[in-house]
Amino acid sequence: MYEDQTHDNILRRMLNRVPDKLDKRPSSLIYDAHSA
């Protein structure tokens, strides 16, 4: 039912909402916060 609601898919949607001008690469503060 929610098979597509994986960590990677959720994280991708969350990061897509973050402006590109901000650093959202792996290990960045924004990336790590959203990953958790």
PDB file of all heavy atoms in Angstrom:
ATOM      1  N   MET A   1       0.822  -1.208   0.000  1.00  0.00           N
ATOM      2  CA  MET A   1       0.000   0.000   0.000  1.00  0.00           C
ATOM      3  C   MET A   1       0.860   1.265   0.000  1.00  0.00           C
ATOM      4  O   MET A   1       0.627   2.209  -0.735  1.00  0.00           O
ATOM      5  CB  MET A   1      -0.933   0.001   1.217  1.00  0.00           C
ATOM      6  CG  MET A   1      -1.897   1.166   1.281  1.00  0.00           C
ATOM      7  SD  MET A   1      -3.008   1.063   2.694  1.00  0.00           S
ATOM      8  CE  MET A   1      -3.900  -0.438   2.332  1.00  0.00           C
ATOM      9  N   TYR A   2       1.863   1.244   0.851  1.00  0.00           N
ATOM     10  CA  TYR A   2       2.781   2.391   0.921  1.00  0.00           C
ATOM     11  C   TYR A   2       4.197   1.942   0.580  1.00  0.00           C
ATOM     12  O   TYR A   2       5.179   2.460   1.128  1.00  0.00           O
ATOM     13  CB  TYR A   2       2.749   3.020   2.315  1.00  0.00           C
ATOM     14  CG  TYR A   2       1.408   3.617   2.679  1.00  0.00           C
ATOM     15  CD1 TYR A   2       0.614   3.044   3.666  1.00  0.00           C
ATOM     16  CD2 TYR A   2       0.935   4.756   2.028  1.00  0.00           C
ATOM     17  CE1 TYR A   2      -0.608   3.587   3.996  1.00  0.00           C
ATOM     18  CE2 TYR A   2      -0.284   5.303   2.353  1.00  0.00           C
ATOM     19  CZ  TYR A   2      -1.060   4.712   3.338  1.00  0.00           C
ATOM     20  OH  TYR A   2      -2.274   5.254   3.650  1.00  0.00           O
ATOM     21  N   GLU A   3       4.300   1.000  -0.358  1.00  0.00           N
ATOM     22  CA  GLU A   3       5.611   0.439  -0.699  1.00  0.00           C
ATOM     23  C   GLU A   3       6.571   1.495  -1.247  1.00  0.00           C
ATOM     24  O   GLU A   3       7.793   1.381  -1.099  1.00  0.00           O
ATOM     25  CB  GLU A   3       5.447  -0.681  -1.740  1.00  0.00           C
ATOM     26  CG  GLU A   3       4.701  -1.914  -1.237  1.00  0.00           C
ATOM     27  CD  GLU A   3       3.195  -1.759  -1.327  1.00  0.00           C
ATOM     28  OE1 GLU A   3       2.729  -0.675  -1.761  1.00  0.00           O
ATOM     29  OE2 GLU A   3       2.471  -2.697  -0.946  1.00  0.00           O
ATOM     30  N   ASP A   4       6.024   2.533  -1.877  1.00  0.00           N
ATOM     31  CA  ASP A   4       6.888   3.556  -2.468  1.00  0.00           C
ATOM     32  C   ASP A   4       7.293   4.636  -1.472  1.00  0.00           C
ATOM     33  O   ASP A   4       8.057   5.544  -1.805  1.00  0.00           O
ATOM     34  CB  ASP A   4       6.198   4.192  -3.679  1.00  0.00           C
ATOM     35  CG  ASP A   4       4.886   4.858  -3.321  1.00  0.00           C
ATOM     36  OD1 ASP A   4       4.286   4.462  -2.287  1.00  0.00           O
ATOM     37  OD2 ASP A   4       4.455   5.756  -4.054  1.00  0.00           O
ATOM     38  N   GLN A   5       6.757   4.532  -0.249  1.00  0.00           N
ATOM     39  CA  GLN A   5       7.105   5.540   0.758  1.00  0.00           C
ATOM     40  C   GLN A   5       8.365   5.110   1.505  1.00  0.00           C
ATOM     41  O   GLN A   5       8.361   4.864   2.701  1.00  0.00           O
ATOM     42  CB  GLN A   5       5.926   5.746   1.722  1.00  0.00           C
ATOM     43  CG  GLN A   5       4.640   6.184   1.053  1.00  0.00           C
ATOM     44  CD  GLN A   5       4.812   7.474   0.286  1.00  0.00           C
ATOM     45  OE1 GLN A   5       5.517   8.391   0.720  1.00  0.00           O
ATOM     46  NE2 GLN A   5       4.173   7.563  -0.883  1.00  0.00           N
ATOM     47  N   THR A   6       9.455   5.012   0.757  1.00  0.00           N
ATOM     48  CA  THR A   6      10.741   4.626   1.336  1.00  0.00           C
ATOM     49  C   THR A   6      11.507   5.864   1.782  1.00  0.00           C
ATOM     50  O   THR A   6      11.167   7.005   1.429  1.00  0.00           O
ATOM     51  CB  THR A   6      11.584   3.853   0.313  1.00  0.00           C
ATOM     52  OG1 THR A   6      11.857   4.716  -0.801  1.00  0.00           O
ATOM     53  CG2 THR A   6      10.833   2.614  -0.179  1.00  0.00           C
ATOM     54  N   HIS A   7      12.565   5.609   2.531  1.00  0.00           N
ATOM     55  CA  HIS A   7      13.403   6.713   2.998  1.00  0.00           C
ATOM     56  C   HIS A   7      13.900   7.555   1.836  1.00  0.00           C
ATOM     57  O   HIS A   7      13.820   8.797   1.862  1.00  0.00           O
ATOM     58  CB  HIS A   7      14.587   6.155   3.805  1.00  0.00           C
ATOM     59  CG  HIS A   7      15.659   7.160   4.063  1.00  0.00           C
ATOM     60  ND1 HIS A   7      16.761   7.303   3.216  1.00  0.00           N
ATOM     61  CD2 HIS A   7      15.822   8.088   5.044  1.00  0.00           C
ATOM     62  CE1 HIS A   7      17.539   8.261   3.669  1.00  0.00           C
ATOM     63  NE2 HIS A   7      17.003   8.754   4.787  1.00  0.00           N
ATOM     64  N   ASP A   8      14.391   6.895   0.786  1.00  0.00           N
ATOM     65  CA  ASP A   8      14.975   7.641  -0.346  1.00  0.00           C
ATOM     66  C   ASP A   8      13.922   8.477  -1.060  1.00  0.00           C
ATOM     67  O   ASP A   8      14.174   9.637  -1.426  1.00  0.00           O
ATOM     68  CB  ASP A   8      15.639   6.678  -1.322  1.00  0.00           C
ATOM     69  CG  ASP A   8      16.896   6.048  -0.748  1.00  0.00           C
ATOM     70  OD1 ASP A   8      17.442   6.594   0.237  1.00  0.00           O
ATOM     71  OD2 ASP A   8      17.328   5.005  -1.282  1.00  0.00           O
ATOM     72  N   ASN A   9      12.730   7.912  -1.283  1.00  0.00           N
ATOM     73  CA  ASN A   9      11.673   8.664  -1.973  1.00  0.00           C
ATOM     74  C   ASN A   9      11.171   9.835  -1.144  1.00  0.00           C
ATOM     75  O   ASN A   9      10.923  10.932  -1.658  1.00  0.00           O
ATOM     76  CB  ASN A   9      10.507   7.736  -2.325  1.00  0.00           C
ATOM     77  CG  ASN A   9      10.856   6.756  -3.431  1.00  0.00           C
ATOM     78  OD1 ASN A   9      11.805   6.980  -4.187  1.00  0.00           O
ATOM     79  ND2 ASN A   9      10.106   5.669  -3.533  1.00  0.00           N
ATOM     80  N   ILE A  10      11.020   9.602   0.149  1.00  0.00           N
ATOM     81  CA  ILE A  10      10.560  10.683   1.026  1.00  0.00           C
ATOM     82  C   ILE A  10      11.610  11.793   1.074  1.00  0.00           C
ATOM     83  O   ILE A  10      11.287  12.983   0.974  1.00  0.00           O
ATOM     84  CB  ILE A  10      10.271  10.137   2.441  1.00  0.00           C
ATOM     85  CG1 ILE A  10       9.093   9.155   2.408  1.00  0.00           C
ATOM     86  CG2 ILE A  10       9.978  11.276   3.405  1.00  0.00           C
ATOM     87  CD1 ILE A  10       8.871   8.399   3.697  1.00  0.00           C
ATOM     88  N   LEU A  11      12.894  11.384   1.224  1.00  0.00           N
ATOM     89  CA  LEU A  11      13.973  12.374   1.282  1.00  0.00           C
ATOM     90  C   LEU A  11      14.039  13.173  -0.015  1.00  0.00           C
ATOM     91  O   LEU A  11      14.237  14.402   0.007  1.00  0.00           O
ATOM     92  CB  LEU A  11      15.304  11.671   1.557  1.00  0.00           C
ATOM     93  CG  LEU A  11      16.544  12.569   1.617  1.00  0.00           C
ATOM     94  CD1 LEU A  11      16.390  13.627   2.710  1.00  0.00           C
ATOM     95  CD2 LEU A  11      17.799  11.722   1.838  1.00  0.00           C
ATOM     96  N   ARG A  12      13.872  12.508  -1.145  1.00  0.00           N
ATOM     97  CA  ARG A  12      13.936  13.205  -2.437  1.00  0.00           C
ATOM     98  C   ARG A  12      12.837  14.270  -2.521  1.00  0.00           C
ATOM     99  O   ARG A  12      13.086  15.390  -2.962  1.00  0.00           O
ATOM    100  CB  ARG A  12      13.802  12.192  -3.574  1.00  0.00           C
ATOM    101  CG  ARG A  12      14.024  12.809  -4.965  1.00  0.00           C
ATOM    102  CD  ARG A  12      13.862  11.774  -6.068  1.00  0.00           C
ATOM    103  NE  ARG A  12      14.763  10.639  -5.871  1.00  0.00           N
ATOM    104  CZ  ARG A  12      14.376   9.418  -5.514  1.00  0.00           C
ATOM    105  NH1 ARG A  12      13.078   9.165  -5.321  1.00  0.00           N
ATOM    106  NH2 ARG A  12      15.256   8.459  -5.353  1.00  0.00           N
ATOM    107  N   ARG A  13      11.623  13.920  -2.095  1.00  0.00           N
ATOM    108  CA  ARG A  13      10.520  14.892  -2.136  1.00  0.00           C
ATOM    109  C   ARG A  13      10.786  16.064  -1.210  1.00  0.00           C
ATOM    110  O   ARG A  13      10.505  17.221  -1.540  1.00  0.00           O
ATOM    111  CB  ARG A  13       9.204  14.217  -1.752  1.00  0.00           C
ATOM    112  CG  ARG A  13       8.691  13.196  -2.757  1.00  0.00           C
ATOM    113  CD  ARG A  13       7.188  12.970  -2.585  1.00  0.00           C
ATOM    114  NE  ARG A  13       6.821  12.627  -1.221  1.00  0.00           N
ATOM    115  CZ  ARG A  13       6.773  11.385  -0.740  1.00  0.00           C
ATOM    116  NH1 ARG A  13       7.098  10.358  -1.533  1.00  0.00           N
ATOM    117  NH2 ARG A  13       6.420  11.164   0.512  1.00  0.00           N
ATOM    118  N   MET A  14      11.355  15.762  -0.061  1.00  0.00           N
ATOM    119  CA  MET A  14      11.626  16.828   0.908  1.00  0.00           C
ATOM    120  C   MET A  14      12.701  17.785   0.378  1.00  0.00           C
ATOM    121  O   MET A  14      12.569  19.006   0.482  1.00  0.00           O
ATOM    122  CB  MET A  14      12.042  16.222   2.253  1.00  0.00           C
ATOM    123  CG  MET A  14      10.937  15.415   2.929  1.00  0.00           C
ATOM    124  SD  MET A  14      11.506  14.526   4.398  1.00  0.00           S
ATOM    125  CE  MET A  14      11.725  15.878   5.545  1.00  0.00           C
ATOM    126  N   LEU A  15      13.755  17.207  -0.192  1.00  0.00           N
ATOM    127  CA  LEU A  15      14.842  18.056  -0.701  1.00  0.00           C
ATOM    128  C   LEU A  15      14.410  18.858  -1.924  1.00  0.00           C
ATOM    129  O   LEU A  15      14.922  19.961  -2.168  1.00  0.00           O
ATOM    130  CB  LEU A  15      16.063  17.199  -1.039  1.00  0.00           C
ATOM    131  CG  LEU A  15      16.775  16.552   0.160  1.00  0.00           C
ATOM    132  CD1 LEU A  15      17.909  15.655  -0.308  1.00  0.00           C
ATOM    133  CD2 LEU A  15      17.305  17.621   1.115  1.00  0.00           C
ATOM    134  N   ASN A  16      13.463  18.324  -2.685  1.00  0.00           N
ATOM    135  CA  ASN A  16      12.960  19.063  -3.849  1.00  0.00           C
ATOM    136  C   ASN A  16      12.255  20.357  -3.442  1.00  0.00           C
ATOM    137  O   ASN A  16      12.114  21.280  -4.254  1.00  0.00           O
ATOM    138  CB  ASN A  16      12.010  18.190  -4.667  1.00  0.00           C
ATOM    139  CG  ASN A  16      12.746  17.130  -5.469  1.00  0.00           C
ATOM    140  OD1 ASN A  16      13.954  17.263  -5.717  1.00  0.00           O
ATOM    141  ND2 ASN A  16      12.049  16.082  -5.875  1.00  0.00           N
ATOM    142  N   ARG A  17      11.796  20.373  -2.193  1.00  0.00           N
ATOM    143  CA  ARG A  17      11.118  21.571  -1.708  1.00  0.00           C
ATOM    144  C   ARG A  17      12.107  22.613  -1.152  1.00  0.00           C
ATOM    145  O   ARG A  17      11.693  23.712  -0.801  1.00  0.00           O
ATOM    146  CB  ARG A  17      10.102  21.187  -0.629  1.00  0.00           C
ATOM    147  CG  ARG A  17       8.891  20.433  -1.179  1.00  0.00           C
ATOM    148  CD  ARG A  17       7.903  20.128  -0.064  1.00  0.00           C
ATOM    149  NE  ARG A  17       6.653  19.607  -0.569  1.00  0.00           N
ATOM    150  CZ  ARG A  17       6.391  18.334  -0.826  1.00  0.00           C
ATOM    151  NH1 ARG A  17       7.359  17.437  -0.617  1.00  0.00           N
ATOM    152  NH2 ARG A  17       5.232  17.952  -1.289  1.00  0.00           N
ATOM    153  N   VAL A  18      13.359  22.216  -1.035  1.00  0.00           N
ATOM    154  CA  VAL A  18      14.389  23.144  -0.541  1.00  0.00           C
ATOM    155  C   VAL A  18      14.968  23.918  -1.737  1.00  0.00           C
ATOM    156  O   VAL A  18      15.339  23.307  -2.751  1.00  0.00           O
ATOM    157  CB  VAL A  18      15.511  22.379   0.192  1.00  0.00           C
ATOM    158  CG1 VAL A  18      16.610  23.347   0.643  1.00  0.00           C
ATOM    159  CG2 VAL A  18      14.939  21.609   1.389  1.00  0.00           C
ATOM    160  N   PRO A  19      15.059  25.242  -1.655  1.00  0.00           N
ATOM    161  CA  PRO A  19      15.610  26.034  -2.781  1.00  0.00           C
ATOM    162  C   PRO A  19      16.999  25.546  -3.192  1.00  0.00           C
ATOM    163  O   PRO A  19      17.825  25.167  -2.350  1.00  0.00           O
ATOM    164  CB  PRO A  19      15.656  27.448  -2.211  1.00  0.00           C
ATOM    165  CG  PRO A  19      14.618  27.459  -1.140  1.00  0.00           C
ATOM    166  CD  PRO A  19      14.637  26.089  -0.538  1.00  0.00           C
ATOM    167  N   ASP A  20      17.245  25.557  -4.490  1.00  0.00           N
ATOM    168  CA  ASP A  20      18.517  25.054  -5.013  1.00  0.00           C
ATOM    169  C   ASP A  20      19.707  25.904  -4.591  1.00  0.00           C
ATOM    170  O   ASP A  20      20.863  25.442  -4.639  1.00  0.00           O
ATOM    171  CB  ASP A  20      18.464  24.971  -6.538  1.00  0.00           C
ATOM    172  CG  ASP A  20      17.525  23.877  -7.009  1.00  0.00           C
ATOM    173  OD1 ASP A  20      17.304  22.910  -6.241  1.00  0.00           O
ATOM    174  OD2 ASP A  20      17.010  23.988  -8.134  1.00  0.00           O
ATOM    175  N   LYS A  21      19.459  27.118  -4.208  1.00  0.00           N
ATOM    176  CA  LYS A  21      20.570  27.983  -3.815  1.00  0.00           C
ATOM    177  C   LYS A  21      21.181  27.564  -2.472  1.00  0.00           C
ATOM    178  O   LYS A  21      22.267  28.009  -2.111  1.00  0.00           O
ATOM    179  CB  LYS A  21      20.118  29.439  -3.755  1.00  0.00           C
ATOM    180  CG  LYS A  21      19.062  29.718  -2.701  1.00  0.00           C
ATOM    181  CD  LYS A  21      18.633  31.181  -2.729  1.00  0.00           C
ATOM    182  CE  LYS A  21      17.579  31.493  -1.685  1.00  0.00           C
ATOM    183  NZ  LYS A  21      17.181  32.927  -1.719  1.00  0.00           N
ATOM    184  N   LEU A  22      20.454  26.708  -1.746  1.00  0.00           N
ATOM    185  CA  LEU A  22      20.982  26.216  -0.476  1.00  0.00           C
ATOM    186  C   LEU A  22      21.703  24.894  -0.690  1.00  0.00           C
ATOM    187  O   LEU A  22      21.382  24.122  -1.594  1.00  0.00           O
ATOM    188  CB  LEU A  22      19.836  26.021   0.530  1.00  0.00           C
ATOM    189  CG  LEU A  22      19.041  27.280   0.894  1.00  0.00           C
ATOM    190  CD1 LEU A  22      17.889  26.932   1.838  1.00  0.00           C
ATOM    191  CD2 LEU A  22      19.961  28.318   1.545  1.00  0.00           C
ATOM    192  N   ASP A  23      22.699  24.636   0.155  1.00  0.00           N
ATOM    193  CA  ASP A  23      23.500  23.420   0.047  1.00  0.00           C
ATOM    194  C   ASP A  23      22.690  22.240   0.609  1.00  0.00           C
ATOM    195  O   ASP A  23      22.412  22.165   1.809  1.00  0.00           O
ATOM    196  CB  ASP A  23      24.798  23.579   0.832  1.00  0.00           C
ATOM    197  CG  ASP A  23      25.718  22.367   0.654  1.00  0.00           C
ATOM    198  OD1 ASP A  23      25.378  21.460  -0.148  1.00  0.00           O
ATOM    199  OD2 ASP A  23      26.762  22.336   1.327  1.00  0.00           O
ATOM    200  N   LYS A  24      22.297  21.315  -0.269  1.00  0.00           N
ATOM    201  CA  LYS A  24      21.542  20.144   0.169  1.00  0.00           C
ATOM    202  C   LYS A  24      22.195  18.856  -0.312  1.00  0.00           C
ATOM    203  O   LYS A  24      21.542  17.841  -0.521  1.00  0.00           O
ATOM    204  CB  LYS A  24      20.090  20.225  -0.292  1.00  0.00           C
ATOM    205  CG  LYS A  24      19.903  20.555  -1.778  1.00  0.00           C
ATOM    206  CD  LYS A  24      18.426  20.707  -2.095  1.00  0.00           C
ATOM    207  CE  LYS A  24      18.219  21.061  -3.578  1.00  0.00           C
ATOM    208  NZ  LYS A  24      16.791  21.197  -3.905  1.00  0.00           N
ATOM    209  N   ARG A  25      23.513  18.925  -0.493  1.00  0.00           N
ATOM    210  CA  ARG A  25      24.270  17.741  -0.868  1.00  0.00           C
ATOM    211  C   ARG A  25      24.393  16.797   0.327  1.00  0.00           C
ATOM    212  O   ARG A  25      24.248  17.224   1.477  1.00  0.00           O
ATOM    213  CB  ARG A  25      25.659  18.134  -1.354  1.00  0.00           C
ATOM    214  CG  ARG A  25      25.661  18.920  -2.668  1.00  0.00           C
ATOM    215  CD  ARG A  25      27.053  19.426  -2.974  1.00  0.00           C
ATOM    216  NE  ARG A  25      27.516  20.373  -1.948  1.00  0.00           N
ATOM    217  CZ  ARG A  25      28.748  20.895  -1.910  1.00  0.00           C
ATOM    218  NH1 ARG A  25      29.638  20.557  -2.826  1.00  0.00           N
ATOM    219  NH2 ARG A  25      29.070  21.741  -0.939  1.00  0.00           N
ATOM    220  N   PRO A  26      24.649  15.487   0.066  1.00  0.00           N
ATOM    221  CA  PRO A  26      24.856  14.550   1.168  1.00  0.00           C
ATOM    222  C   PRO A  26      25.896  15.073   2.144  1.00  0.00           C
ATOM    223  O   PRO A  26      26.897  15.670   1.742  1.00  0.00           O
ATOM    224  CB  PRO A  26      25.314  13.275   0.470  1.00  0.00           C
ATOM    225  CG  PRO A  26      24.699  13.352  -0.895  1.00  0.00           C
ATOM    226  CD  PRO A  26      24.739  14.812  -1.257  1.00  0.00           C
ATOM    227  N   SER A  27      25.624  14.880   3.419  1.00  0.00           N
ATOM    228  CA  SER A  27      26.475  15.305   4.545  1.00  0.00           C
ATOM    229  C   SER A  27      26.307  16.781   4.876  1.00  0.00           C
ATOM    230  O   SER A  27      26.885  17.249   5.867  1.00  0.00           O
ATOM    231  CB  SER A  27      27.963  15.012   4.297  1.00  0.00           C
ATOM    232  OG  SER A  27      28.155  13.609   4.132  1.00  0.00           O
ATOM    233  N   SER A  28      25.528  17.524   4.067  1.00  0.00           N
ATOM    234  CA  SER A  28      25.251  18.909   4.441  1.00  0.00           C
ATOM    235  C   SER A  28      24.263  18.922   5.590  1.00  0.00           C
ATOM    236  O   SER A  28      23.578  17.930   5.876  1.00  0.00           O
ATOM    237  CB  SER A  28      24.683  19.686   3.253  1.00  0.00           C
ATOM    238  OG  SER A  28      23.390  19.191   2.923  1.00  0.00           O
ATOM    239  N   LEU A  29      24.170  20.065   6.277  1.00  0.00           N
ATOM    240  CA  LEU A  29      23.265  20.184   7.419  1.00  0.00           C
ATOM    241  C   LEU A  29      21.816  19.926   6.998  1.00  0.00           C
ATOM    242  O   LEU A  29      21.075  19.198   7.668  1.00  0.00           O
ATOM    243  CB  LEU A  29      23.398  21.580   8.039  1.00  0.00           C
ATOM    244  CG  LEU A  29      22.495  21.862   9.250  1.00  0.00           C
ATOM    245  CD1 LEU A  29      22.818  20.895  10.389  1.00  0.00           C
ATOM    246  CD2 LEU A  29      22.662  23.310   9.716  1.00  0.00           C
ATOM    247  N   ILE A  30      21.414  20.532   5.891  1.00  0.00           N
ATOM    248  CA  ILE A  30      20.032  20.367   5.425  1.00  0.00           C
ATOM    249  C   ILE A  30      19.764  18.910   5.056  1.00  0.00           C
ATOM    250  O   ILE A  30      18.725  18.338   5.393  1.00  0.00           O
ATOM    251  CB  ILE A  30      19.756  21.300   4.231  1.00  0.00           C
ATOM    252  CG1 ILE A  30      19.763  22.754   4.706  1.00  0.00           C
ATOM    253  CG2 ILE A  30      18.441  20.942   3.546  1.00  0.00           C
ATOM    254  CD1 ILE A  30      19.596  23.760   3.587  1.00  0.00           C
ATOM    255  N   TYR A  31      20.723  18.300   4.357  1.00  0.00           N
ATOM    256  CA  TYR A  31      20.543  16.907   3.939  1.00  0.00           C
ATOM    257  C   TYR A  31      20.403  15.993   5.156  1.00  0.00           C
ATOM    258  O   TYR A  31      19.493  15.152   5.229  1.00  0.00           O
ATOM    259  CB  TYR A  31      21.729  16.457   3.079  1.00  0.00           C
ATOM    260  CG  TYR A  31      21.601  15.051   2.550  1.00  0.00           C
ATOM    261  CD1 TYR A  31      21.127  14.813   1.264  1.00  0.00           C
ATOM    262  CD2 TYR A  31      21.962  13.953   3.340  1.00  0.00           C
ATOM    263  CE1 TYR A  31      20.996  13.511   0.761  1.00  0.00           C
ATOM    264  CE2 TYR A  31      21.851  12.658   2.861  1.00  0.00           C
ATOM    265  CZ  TYR A  31      21.360  12.449   1.574  1.00  0.00           C
ATOM    266  OH  TYR A  31      21.237  11.176   1.100  1.00  0.00           O
ATOM    267  N   ASP A  32      21.303  16.124   6.116  1.00  0.00           N
ATOM    268  CA  ASP A  32      21.277  15.245   7.287  1.00  0.00           C
ATOM    269  C   ASP A  32      20.004  15.432   8.115  1.00  0.00           C
ATOM    270  O   ASP A  32      19.431  14.461   8.639  1.00  0.00           O
ATOM    271  CB  ASP A  32      22.507  15.504   8.155  1.00  0.00           C
ATOM    272  CG  ASP A  32      23.791  15.007   7.486  1.00  0.00           C
ATOM    273  OD1 ASP A  32      23.679  14.215   6.525  1.00  0.00           O
ATOM    274  OD2 ASP A  32      24.878  15.386   7.954  1.00  0.00           O
ATOM    275  N   ALA A  33      19.551  16.692   8.238  1.00  0.00           N
ATOM    276  CA  ALA A  33      18.334  16.947   9.015  1.00  0.00           C
ATOM    277  C   ALA A  33      17.119  16.303   8.337  1.00  0.00           C
ATOM    278  O   ALA A  33      16.275  15.662   8.991  1.00  0.00           O
ATOM    279  CB  ALA A  33      18.119  18.450   9.175  1.00  0.00           C
ATOM    280  N   HIS A  34      17.017  16.478   7.023  1.00  0.00           N
ATOM    281  CA  HIS A  34      15.888  15.887   6.289  1.00  0.00           C
ATOM    282  C   HIS A  34      15.982  14.366   6.244  1.00  0.00           C
ATOM    283  O   HIS A  34      14.953  13.674   6.251  1.00  0.00           O
ATOM    284  CB  HIS A  34      15.834  16.449   4.866  1.00  0.00           C
ATOM    285  CG  HIS A  34      15.268  17.836   4.804  1.00  0.00           C
ATOM    286  ND1 HIS A  34      15.966  18.948   5.204  1.00  0.00           N
ATOM    287  CD2 HIS A  34      14.049  18.280   4.390  1.00  0.00           C
ATOM    288  CE1 HIS A  34      15.229  20.027   5.030  1.00  0.00           C
ATOM    289  NE2 HIS A  34      14.041  19.653   4.538  1.00  0.00           N
ATOM    290  N   SER A  35      17.200  13.856   6.194  1.00  0.00           N
ATOM    291  CA  SER A  35      17.369  12.400   6.153  1.00  0.00           C
ATOM    292  C   SER A  35      16.854  11.756   7.435  1.00  0.00           C
ATOM    293  O   SER A  35      16.195  10.705   7.404  1.00  0.00           O
ATOM    294  CB  SER A  35      18.840  12.050   5.938  1.00  0.00           C
ATOM    295  OG  SER A  35      19.012  10.644   5.919  1.00  0.00           O
ATOM    296  N   ALA A  36      17.167  12.378   8.574  1.00  0.00           N
ATOM    297  CA  ALA A  36      16.683  11.848   9.858  1.00  0.00           C
ATOM    298  C   ALA A  36      15.154  11.868   9.919  1.00  0.00           C
ATOM    299  O   ALA A  36      14.516  10.918  10.384  1.00  0.00           O
ATOM    300  CB  ALA A  36      17.275  12.657  11.006  1.00  0.00           C
TER     301      ALA A  36
END
